[in-house]
Amino acid sequence: MSILQQVKRRNVYLAAAVFLTVIGIIVAVSNMPADSFSRAQVSEGLNISGEAKATVTEYYLEHNQFPSDNASAGLPPAEDIQGKYVLSVRINEGEIVITYGNDANSNIHGDTLILRPEFSERRVTWVCSSLDIVPKNLPSACRPDHDNR
């Protein structure tokens, strides 16, 4: 067998290996449970709510009470605070209510995540919960079996 034939054969084997690797990755991703995607999407809400949490905390430290809504907190209207999976971020008597929509997985579309402020020792901590989202779709910090402070 000539050197040229050996190189061609090696290139065919290499191309086949790359092809099989790509197919393997596609199969692995397509078989990922929807929970993983939902959990990542719920996490987007926690990230987007960062500004709201800071604003509510500052408001409380300045006024000794929590803001009643987005306007009193100095935030844009709830519908203007969005993400790829988050439909709105609304302040309701200090609580931050994150509603999922837009491109969110059907497991969480229309569901809400609530961040409740707790004040102690001149410090605000946040506790997250949801009546809609099943625990397996929540980030670990929001699951009932986790101390989420």
N, C-alpha and C. Protein backbone atom coordinates (compact mmCIF):
# COMPACT_ATOMS: atom_id res chain seq x y z
N MET A 1 0.86 -1.16 0.00
CA MET A 1 0.00 0.00 0.00
C MET A 1 0.90 1.23 0.00
N SER A 2 0.58 2.17 -0.84
CA SER A 2 1.42 3.36 -0.96
C SER A 2 1.15 4.33 0.20
N ILE A 3 2.04 5.25 0.37
CA ILE A 3 1.91 6.25 1.44
C ILE A 3 0.66 7.09 1.21
N LEU A 4 0.37 7.40 -0.04
CA LEU A 4 -0.81 8.20 -0.37
C LEU A 4 -2.08 7.47 0.05
N GLN A 5 -2.15 6.18 -0.20
CA GLN A 5 -3.32 5.39 0.19
C GLN A 5 -3.44 5.34 1.71
N GLN A 6 -2.32 5.24 2.42
CA GLN A 6 -2.34 5.20 3.89
C GLN A 6 -2.86 6.53 4.45
N VAL A 7 -2.43 7.64 3.87
CA VAL A 7 -2.88 8.96 4.31
C VAL A 7 -4.38 9.11 4.06
N LYS A 8 -4.84 8.69 2.88
CA LYS A 8 -6.27 8.76 2.57
C LYS A 8 -7.09 7.93 3.56
N ARG A 9 -6.61 6.73 3.85
CA ARG A 9 -7.32 5.84 4.78
C ARG A 9 -7.37 6.48 6.18
N ARG A 10 -6.23 7.07 6.61
CA ARG A 10 -6.18 7.73 7.91
C ARG A 10 -7.17 8.90 7.95
N ASN A 11 -7.24 9.65 6.87
CA ASN A 11 -8.17 10.78 6.80
C ASN A 11 -9.62 10.31 6.86
N VAL A 12 -9.92 9.20 6.23
CA VAL A 12 -11.27 8.63 6.28
C VAL A 12 -11.61 8.23 7.71
N TYR A 13 -10.68 7.57 8.40
CA TYR A 13 -10.91 7.17 9.79
C TYR A 13 -11.11 8.39 10.68
N LEU A 14 -10.31 9.43 10.46
CA LEU A 14 -10.41 10.64 11.24
C LEU A 14 -11.77 11.31 11.01
N ALA A 15 -12.19 11.40 9.76
CA ALA A 15 -13.48 12.00 9.42
C ALA A 15 -14.62 11.19 10.05
N ALA A 16 -14.52 9.87 10.02
CA ALA A 16 -15.54 9.03 10.63
C ALA A 16 -15.58 9.24 12.13
N ALA A 17 -14.44 9.35 12.77
CA ALA A 17 -14.38 9.57 14.22
C ALA A 17 -15.02 10.90 14.60
N VAL A 18 -14.72 11.95 13.83
CA VAL A 18 -15.30 13.27 14.08
C VAL A 18 -16.81 13.21 13.89
N PHE A 19 -17.26 12.58 12.83
CA PHE A 19 -18.69 12.45 12.54
C PHE A 19 -19.40 11.74 13.69
N LEU A 20 -18.85 10.63 14.15
CA LEU A 20 -19.48 9.87 15.24
C LEU A 20 -19.49 10.67 16.54
N THR A 21 -18.46 11.44 16.78
CA THR A 21 -18.42 12.29 17.98
C THR A 21 -19.52 13.33 17.93
N VAL A 22 -19.68 13.98 16.79
CA VAL A 22 -20.72 14.99 16.63
C VAL A 22 -22.11 14.36 16.81
N ILE A 23 -22.34 13.22 16.23
CA ILE A 23 -23.62 12.52 16.38
C ILE A 23 -23.85 12.18 17.85
N GLY A 24 -22.82 11.72 18.54
CA GLY A 24 -22.93 11.41 19.96
C GLY A 24 -23.33 12.61 20.80
N ILE A 25 -22.74 13.76 20.50
CA ILE A 25 -23.08 14.98 21.23
C ILE A 25 -24.52 15.38 20.96
N ILE A 26 -24.95 15.30 19.72
CA ILE A 26 -26.33 15.65 19.38
C ILE A 26 -27.31 14.74 20.10
N VAL A 27 -27.03 13.46 20.13
CA VAL A 27 -27.91 12.50 20.82
C VAL A 27 -27.94 12.80 22.32
N ALA A 28 -26.78 13.09 22.90
CA ALA A 28 -26.72 13.37 24.34
C ALA A 28 -27.53 14.61 24.70
N VAL A 29 -27.40 15.68 23.91
CA VAL A 29 -28.13 16.91 24.19
C VAL A 29 -29.62 16.71 23.98
N SER A 30 -29.99 15.99 22.94
CA SER A 30 -31.42 15.80 22.67
C SER A 30 -32.08 14.91 23.72
N ASN A 31 -31.29 14.11 24.42
CA ASN A 31 -31.85 13.24 25.46
C ASN A 31 -31.76 13.85 26.85
N MET A 32 -31.27 15.11 26.96
CA MET A 32 -31.21 15.75 28.27
C MET A 32 -32.62 15.95 28.77
N PRO A 33 -32.86 15.73 30.06
CA PRO A 33 -34.20 15.94 30.58
C PRO A 33 -34.61 17.41 30.49
N ALA A 34 -35.88 17.64 30.28
CA ALA A 34 -36.39 19.01 30.19
C ALA A 34 -36.15 19.76 31.49
N ASP A 35 -36.02 19.03 32.60
CA ASP A 35 -35.77 19.66 33.90
C ASP A 35 -34.52 20.53 33.85
N SER A 36 -33.48 20.03 33.20
CA SER A 36 -32.23 20.78 33.14
C SER A 36 -32.43 22.11 32.43
N PHE A 37 -33.18 22.09 31.34
CA PHE A 37 -33.45 23.31 30.61
C PHE A 37 -34.32 24.24 31.44
N SER A 38 -35.36 23.70 32.08
CA SER A 38 -36.25 24.52 32.89
C SER A 38 -35.50 25.15 34.05
N ARG A 39 -34.65 24.39 34.72
CA ARG A 39 -33.88 24.91 35.85
C ARG A 39 -32.97 26.05 35.39
N ALA A 40 -32.33 25.90 34.25
CA ALA A 40 -31.47 26.97 33.72
C ALA A 40 -32.30 28.21 33.39
N GLN A 41 -33.50 28.00 32.87
CA GLN A 41 -34.36 29.11 32.52
C GLN A 41 -34.86 29.83 33.77
N VAL A 42 -35.18 29.09 34.82
CA VAL A 42 -35.59 29.70 36.08
C VAL A 42 -34.44 30.52 36.65
N SER A 43 -33.23 30.04 36.50
CA SER A 43 -32.05 30.77 36.99
C SER A 43 -31.92 32.12 36.31
N GLU A 44 -32.34 32.23 35.05
CA GLU A 44 -32.29 33.52 34.38
C GLU A 44 -33.10 34.55 35.17
N GLY A 45 -34.23 34.14 35.70
CA GLY A 45 -35.06 35.04 36.49
C GLY A 45 -34.33 35.54 37.73
N LEU A 46 -33.57 34.66 38.37
CA LEU A 46 -32.80 35.08 39.54
C LEU A 46 -31.75 36.10 39.14
N ASN A 47 -31.12 35.89 37.98
CA ASN A 47 -30.10 36.83 37.51
C ASN A 47 -30.71 38.19 37.16
N ILE A 48 -31.82 38.17 36.45
CA ILE A 48 -32.47 39.41 36.03
C ILE A 48 -32.99 40.20 37.23
N SER A 49 -33.35 39.51 38.30
CA SER A 49 -33.92 40.18 39.47
C SER A 49 -32.86 40.87 40.33
N GLY A 50 -31.59 40.74 39.97
CA GLY A 50 -30.52 41.32 40.78
C GLY A 50 -30.70 42.82 41.02
N GLU A 51 -31.02 43.57 39.98
CA GLU A 51 -31.21 45.02 40.14
C GLU A 51 -32.41 45.31 41.03
N ALA A 52 -33.48 44.54 40.85
CA ALA A 52 -34.67 44.74 41.68
C ALA A 52 -34.37 44.46 43.15
N LYS A 53 -33.61 43.41 43.42
CA LYS A 53 -33.24 43.09 44.80
C LYS A 53 -32.43 44.22 45.42
N ALA A 54 -31.48 44.74 44.68
CA ALA A 54 -30.65 45.83 45.19
C ALA A 54 -31.49 47.08 45.45
N THR A 55 -32.40 47.37 44.53
CA THR A 55 -33.25 48.56 44.66
C THR A 55 -34.20 48.43 45.85
N VAL A 56 -34.81 47.27 46.01
CA VAL A 56 -35.73 47.05 47.14
C VAL A 56 -34.96 47.14 48.46
N THR A 57 -33.77 46.58 48.50
CA THR A 57 -32.94 46.65 49.71
C THR A 57 -32.60 48.09 50.05
N GLU A 58 -32.14 48.86 49.06
CA GLU A 58 -31.80 50.27 49.29
C GLU A 58 -33.03 51.05 49.76
N TYR A 59 -34.17 50.80 49.13
CA TYR A 59 -35.40 51.49 49.51
C TYR A 59 -35.73 51.20 50.97
N TYR A 60 -35.62 49.94 51.35
CA TYR A 60 -35.95 49.57 52.73
C TYR A 60 -34.99 50.26 53.71
N LEU A 61 -33.73 50.25 53.42
CA LEU A 61 -32.75 50.86 54.33
C LEU A 61 -32.95 52.37 54.45
N GLU A 62 -33.46 52.99 53.38
CA GLU A 62 -33.69 54.43 53.39
C GLU A 62 -35.04 54.81 54.01
N HIS A 63 -36.09 54.01 53.75
CA HIS A 63 -37.45 54.38 54.18
C HIS A 63 -38.00 53.52 55.32
N ASN A 64 -37.28 52.52 55.72
CA ASN A 64 -37.71 51.60 56.78
C ASN A 64 -39.02 50.87 56.45
N GLN A 65 -39.27 50.70 55.20
CA GLN A 65 -40.40 49.91 54.70
C GLN A 65 -40.07 49.47 53.28
N PHE A 66 -40.75 48.44 52.82
CA PHE A 66 -40.49 47.94 51.47
C PHE A 66 -41.35 48.70 50.46
N PRO A 67 -40.87 48.87 49.24
CA PRO A 67 -41.67 49.57 48.23
C PRO A 67 -42.89 48.73 47.84
N SER A 68 -43.96 49.42 47.48
CA SER A 68 -45.20 48.71 47.15
C SER A 68 -45.22 48.18 45.72
N ASP A 69 -44.51 48.85 44.82
CA ASP A 69 -44.54 48.43 43.42
C ASP A 69 -43.28 48.91 42.69
N ASN A 70 -43.20 48.61 41.41
CA ASN A 70 -42.02 49.00 40.62
C ASN A 70 -41.82 50.50 40.61
N ALA A 71 -42.89 51.26 40.45
CA ALA A 71 -42.77 52.72 40.36
C ALA A 71 -42.21 53.29 41.66
N SER A 72 -42.73 52.87 42.80
CA SER A 72 -42.24 53.42 44.07
C SER A 72 -40.80 53.00 44.34
N ALA A 73 -40.38 51.87 43.77
CA ALA A 73 -39.00 51.41 43.94
C ALA A 73 -38.06 52.11 42.96
N GLY A 74 -38.63 52.84 41.98
CA GLY A 74 -37.80 53.51 40.99
C GLY A 74 -37.37 52.58 39.86
N LEU A 75 -38.12 51.50 39.67
CA LEU A 75 -37.82 50.54 38.60
C LEU A 75 -38.75 50.76 37.41
N PRO A 76 -38.35 50.29 36.23
CA PRO A 76 -39.25 50.36 35.07
C PRO A 76 -40.49 49.49 35.31
N PRO A 77 -41.53 49.68 34.51
CA PRO A 77 -42.71 48.81 34.63
C PRO A 77 -42.31 47.33 34.51
N ALA A 78 -43.06 46.47 35.19
CA ALA A 78 -42.75 45.04 35.25
C ALA A 78 -42.52 44.43 33.88
N GLU A 79 -43.35 44.81 32.90
CA GLU A 79 -43.26 44.23 31.56
C GLU A 79 -42.01 44.67 30.81
N ASP A 80 -41.37 45.73 31.30
CA ASP A 80 -40.15 46.22 30.65
C ASP A 80 -38.89 45.52 31.17
N ILE A 81 -39.04 44.72 32.22
CA ILE A 81 -37.90 43.97 32.75
C ILE A 81 -38.09 42.53 32.28
N GLN A 82 -37.42 42.17 31.20
CA GLN A 82 -37.60 40.87 30.57
C GLN A 82 -36.27 40.23 30.24
N GLY A 83 -36.37 38.96 29.88
CA GLY A 83 -35.23 38.22 29.38
C GLY A 83 -35.73 37.25 28.33
N LYS A 84 -34.88 36.37 27.95
CA LYS A 84 -35.28 35.38 26.95
C LYS A 84 -36.42 34.50 27.47
N TYR A 85 -36.37 34.19 28.77
CA TYR A 85 -37.38 33.30 29.37
C TYR A 85 -38.27 34.02 30.38
N VAL A 86 -37.90 35.23 30.76
CA VAL A 86 -38.64 35.98 31.77
C VAL A 86 -39.56 36.97 31.08
N LEU A 87 -40.83 36.92 31.45
CA LEU A 87 -41.84 37.81 30.88
C LEU A 87 -41.90 39.14 31.63
N SER A 88 -41.74 39.09 32.97
CA SER A 88 -41.79 40.32 33.76
C SER A 88 -41.18 40.11 35.14
N VAL A 89 -40.77 41.24 35.73
CA VAL A 89 -40.27 41.26 37.11
C VAL A 89 -41.03 42.38 37.81
N ARG A 90 -41.89 41.99 38.77
CA ARG A 90 -42.81 42.93 39.41
C ARG A 90 -42.54 42.99 40.91
N ILE A 91 -42.56 44.20 41.47
CA ILE A 91 -42.47 44.39 42.91
C ILE A 91 -43.89 44.41 43.45
N ASN A 92 -44.15 43.64 44.49
CA ASN A 92 -45.46 43.59 45.13
C ASN A 92 -45.25 43.64 46.64
N GLU A 93 -45.38 44.84 47.20
CA GLU A 93 -45.17 45.04 48.64
C GLU A 93 -43.82 44.48 49.09
N GLY A 94 -42.79 44.77 48.33
CA GLY A 94 -41.44 44.34 48.67
C GLY A 94 -41.03 43.01 48.08
N GLU A 95 -42.00 42.14 47.81
CA GLU A 95 -41.68 40.87 47.18
C GLU A 95 -41.40 41.09 45.70
N ILE A 96 -40.50 40.29 45.16
CA ILE A 96 -40.21 40.35 43.73
C ILE A 96 -40.85 39.13 43.09
N VAL A 97 -41.76 39.38 42.17
CA VAL A 97 -42.49 38.31 41.49
C VAL A 97 -41.98 38.21 40.06
N ILE A 98 -41.34 37.08 39.76
CA ILE A 98 -40.77 36.84 38.43
C ILE A 98 -41.72 35.93 37.68
N THR A 99 -42.22 36.38 36.53
CA THR A 99 -43.13 35.58 35.73
C THR A 99 -42.40 35.10 34.48
N TYR A 100 -42.52 33.81 34.20
CA TYR A 100 -41.82 33.21 33.06
C TYR A 100 -42.73 33.14 31.85
N GLY A 101 -42.17 33.38 30.69
CA GLY A 101 -42.92 33.36 29.44
C GLY A 101 -41.93 33.45 28.29
N ASN A 102 -42.26 34.25 27.29
CA ASN A 102 -41.40 34.40 26.10
C ASN A 102 -40.99 33.03 25.59
N ASP A 103 -39.70 32.70 25.59
CA ASP A 103 -39.23 31.42 25.06
C ASP A 103 -39.09 30.34 26.13
N ALA A 104 -39.73 30.52 27.28
CA ALA A 104 -39.59 29.56 28.38
C ALA A 104 -40.19 28.20 28.01
N ASN A 105 -39.58 27.17 28.55
CA ASN A 105 -40.06 25.80 28.38
C ASN A 105 -41.51 25.71 28.86
N SER A 106 -42.30 24.86 28.25
CA SER A 106 -43.71 24.73 28.62
C SER A 106 -43.88 24.30 30.08
N ASN A 107 -42.83 23.69 30.68
CA ASN A 107 -42.90 23.29 32.09
C ASN A 107 -43.01 24.48 33.03
N ILE A 108 -42.53 25.66 32.60
CA ILE A 108 -42.54 26.83 33.48
C ILE A 108 -43.25 28.04 32.86
N HIS A 109 -43.68 27.94 31.63
CA HIS A 109 -44.33 29.06 30.94
C HIS A 109 -45.57 29.50 31.72
N GLY A 110 -45.61 30.78 32.10
CA GLY A 110 -46.73 31.32 32.87
C GLY A 110 -46.57 31.17 34.38
N ASP A 111 -45.55 30.45 34.83
CA ASP A 111 -45.33 30.24 36.27
C ASP A 111 -44.59 31.43 36.87
N THR A 112 -44.61 31.50 38.20
CA THR A 112 -43.94 32.60 38.89
C THR A 112 -42.98 32.07 39.95
N LEU A 113 -41.96 32.86 40.19
CA LEU A 113 -41.01 32.63 41.26
C LEU A 113 -41.07 33.87 42.13
N ILE A 114 -41.16 33.67 43.44
CA ILE A 114 -41.29 34.80 44.36
C ILE A 114 -40.03 34.90 45.22
N LEU A 115 -39.47 36.10 45.26
CA LEU A 115 -38.35 36.39 46.14
C LEU A 115 -38.89 37.28 47.27
N ARG A 116 -38.85 36.75 48.47
CA ARG A 116 -39.41 37.45 49.63
C ARG A 116 -38.26 38.02 50.47
N PRO A 117 -38.30 39.33 50.76
CA PRO A 117 -37.23 39.91 51.56
C PRO A 117 -37.48 39.67 53.05
N GLU A 118 -36.41 39.44 53.78
CA GLU A 118 -36.47 39.35 55.24
C GLU A 118 -35.41 40.28 55.78
N PHE A 119 -35.79 41.09 56.76
CA PHE A 119 -34.88 42.07 57.31
C PHE A 119 -34.48 41.67 58.72
N SER A 120 -33.18 41.67 58.96
CA SER A 120 -32.68 41.45 60.32
C SER A 120 -31.28 42.04 60.43
N GLU A 121 -31.03 42.67 61.56
CA GLU A 121 -29.71 43.24 61.83
C GLU A 121 -29.20 44.13 60.70
N ARG A 122 -30.04 45.07 60.26
CA ARG A 122 -29.68 46.01 59.19
C ARG A 122 -29.24 45.31 57.91
N ARG A 123 -29.83 44.15 57.67
CA ARG A 123 -29.47 43.37 56.49
C ARG A 123 -30.73 42.74 55.90
N VAL A 124 -30.85 42.78 54.59
CA VAL A 124 -31.98 42.14 53.91
C VAL A 124 -31.47 40.85 53.27
N THR A 125 -32.15 39.76 53.56
CA THR A 125 -31.86 38.49 52.89
C THR A 125 -33.08 38.12 52.07
N TRP A 126 -32.87 37.26 51.09
CA TRP A 126 -33.95 36.91 50.15
C TRP A 126 -34.23 35.42 50.22
N VAL A 127 -35.51 35.09 50.29
CA VAL A 127 -35.96 33.71 50.30
C VAL A 127 -36.81 33.49 49.06
N CYS A 128 -36.47 32.49 48.27
CA CYS A 128 -37.24 32.26 47.05
C CYS A 128 -38.15 31.05 47.22
N SER A 129 -39.29 31.13 46.55
CA SER A 129 -40.26 30.04 46.59
C SER A 129 -41.16 30.15 45.36
N SER A 130 -41.91 29.09 45.13
CA SER A 130 -42.86 29.11 44.02
C SER A 130 -44.00 28.16 44.33
N LEU A 131 -45.20 28.60 44.02
CA LEU A 131 -46.37 27.73 44.14
C LEU A 131 -46.63 26.99 42.83
N ASP A 132 -46.00 27.47 41.74
CA ASP A 132 -46.24 26.92 40.41
C ASP A 132 -45.17 25.95 39.94
N ILE A 133 -43.93 26.33 40.17
CA ILE A 133 -42.81 25.58 39.61
C ILE A 133 -42.49 24.40 40.52
N VAL A 134 -42.46 23.20 39.94
CA VAL A 134 -42.18 22.01 40.74
C VAL A 134 -40.73 22.07 41.23
N PRO A 135 -40.46 21.57 42.44
CA PRO A 135 -39.12 21.69 43.03
C PRO A 135 -37.98 21.22 42.14
N LYS A 136 -38.19 20.19 41.34
CA LYS A 136 -37.08 19.70 40.51
C LYS A 136 -36.67 20.71 39.44
N ASN A 137 -37.54 21.66 39.12
CA ASN A 137 -37.22 22.69 38.13
C ASN A 137 -36.65 23.96 38.76
N LEU A 138 -36.58 23.99 40.09
CA LEU A 138 -36.03 25.15 40.78
C LEU A 138 -34.53 25.01 40.96
N PRO A 139 -33.81 26.13 40.92
CA PRO A 139 -32.39 26.07 41.27
C PRO A 139 -32.26 25.57 42.72
N SER A 140 -31.15 24.99 43.06
CA SER A 140 -31.01 24.38 44.38
C SER A 140 -31.27 25.36 45.52
N ALA A 141 -30.89 26.62 45.35
CA ALA A 141 -31.10 27.61 46.40
C ALA A 141 -32.57 27.88 46.68
N CYS A 142 -33.46 27.48 45.77
CA CYS A 142 -34.89 27.74 45.93
C CYS A 142 -35.69 26.49 46.30
N ARG A 143 -35.05 25.36 46.40
CA ARG A 143 -35.79 24.13 46.71
C ARG A 143 -36.14 24.09 48.19
N PRO A 144 -37.29 23.51 48.51
CA PRO A 144 -37.75 23.47 49.91
C PRO A 144 -36.76 22.81 50.87
N ASP A 145 -35.96 21.86 50.42
CA ASP A 145 -35.03 21.17 51.30
C ASP A 145 -33.70 21.90 51.46
N HIS A 146 -33.62 23.14 51.00
CA HIS A 146 -32.38 23.92 51.03
C HIS A 146 -32.60 25.18 51.86
N ASP A 147 -31.66 25.51 52.71
CA ASP A 147 -31.74 26.78 53.44
C ASP A 147 -31.34 27.87 52.46
N ASN A 148 -32.35 28.57 51.91
CA ASN A 148 -32.07 29.49 50.80
C ASN A 148 -31.80 30.92 51.25
N ARG A 149 -31.20 31.09 52.36
CA ARG A 149 -30.81 32.43 52.76
C ARG A 149 -29.37 32.51 52.57
